[in-house]
């Protein structure tokens, strides 16, 4: 199941996928160098995400945190 998600603290995601007991999130950024924001931290905790992908305009994937990947 996929849908747009938001937490009670207003951390928004562009996409949240819940399948069985797994929860993944995805957000899209125009920048080539996204950074870890408070909103991302809140979304991870509030929405109980296992992983979060930050889709960016750069050429290379890179980790932002242990459970957050820039792609």
Protein backbone atom coordinates (compact mmCIF):
# COMPACT_ATOMS: atom_id res chain seq x y z
CA UNK A 1 0.00 0.00 0.00
CA UNK A 2 1.42 3.41 -0.92
CA UNK A 3 0.22 6.86 0.03
CA UNK A 4 1.40 10.31 0.99
CA UNK A 5 2.18 10.46 4.69
CA UNK A 6 2.49 13.10 7.37
CA UNK A 7 3.21 12.91 11.05
CA UNK A 8 1.51 14.66 13.93
CA UNK A 9 4.48 17.02 14.14
CA UNK A 10 4.01 17.93 10.45
CA UNK A 11 6.94 16.02 9.02
CA UNK A 12 5.75 15.31 5.49
CA UNK A 13 6.81 12.62 3.07
CA UNK A 14 6.05 12.40 -0.61
CA UNK A 15 5.52 8.66 -0.45
CA UNK A 16 5.12 6.11 2.33
CA UNK A 17 4.96 2.40 1.60
CA UNK A 18 3.67 -0.10 4.15
CA UNK A 19 3.91 -3.74 3.21
CA UNK A 20 3.32 -6.39 5.84
CA UNK A 21 5.35 -5.10 8.82
CA UNK A 22 7.81 -3.00 6.77
CA UNK A 23 7.56 0.79 6.45
CA UNK A 24 9.56 2.79 3.94
CA UNK A 25 9.43 6.46 3.05
CA UNK A 26 10.49 8.59 0.11
CA UNK A 27 10.85 12.32 -0.32
CA UNK A 28 11.95 14.32 -3.36
CA UNK A 29 14.37 17.27 -3.28
CA UNK A 30 15.43 19.56 -6.12
CA UNK A 31 18.92 20.05 -4.75
CA UNK A 32 22.00 18.06 -5.79
CA UNK A 33 23.17 17.86 -2.18
CA UNK A 34 20.27 17.16 0.18
CA UNK A 35 20.92 17.19 3.90
CA UNK A 36 19.40 15.50 6.89
CA UNK A 37 16.69 17.81 8.26
CA UNK A 38 14.59 17.88 11.39
CA UNK A 39 11.60 16.94 9.24
CA UNK A 40 13.36 13.76 8.11
CA UNK A 41 14.25 12.84 11.70
CA UNK A 42 10.66 13.43 12.82
CA UNK A 43 9.26 11.37 9.92
CA UNK A 44 11.57 8.44 10.72
CA UNK A 45 10.49 8.36 14.35
CA UNK A 46 6.85 9.48 14.10
CA UNK A 47 5.96 7.26 11.14
CA UNK A 48 8.16 4.39 12.40
CA UNK A 49 10.02 4.10 9.11
CA UNK A 50 12.55 1.37 8.60
CA UNK A 51 14.25 3.22 5.73
CA UNK A 52 13.90 6.56 3.98
CA UNK A 53 15.06 7.47 0.46
CA UNK A 54 15.77 11.09 -0.43
CA UNK A 55 15.56 11.36 -4.22
CA UNK A 56 17.74 14.28 -5.34
CA UNK A 57 18.96 15.94 -8.53
CA UNK A 58 22.59 14.82 -8.12
CA UNK A 59 24.36 12.09 -10.06
CA UNK A 60 25.53 9.84 -7.22
CA UNK A 61 23.78 8.03 -4.36
CA UNK A 62 25.16 8.62 -0.86
CA UNK A 63 24.16 7.87 2.72
CA UNK A 64 22.71 10.66 4.84
CA UNK A 65 22.29 8.49 7.95
CA UNK A 66 22.24 4.75 8.71
CA UNK A 67 18.61 4.47 7.61
CA UNK A 68 18.50 7.39 5.14
CA UNK A 69 19.92 7.16 1.61
CA UNK A 70 20.26 9.95 -0.93
CA UNK A 71 19.51 8.51 -4.38
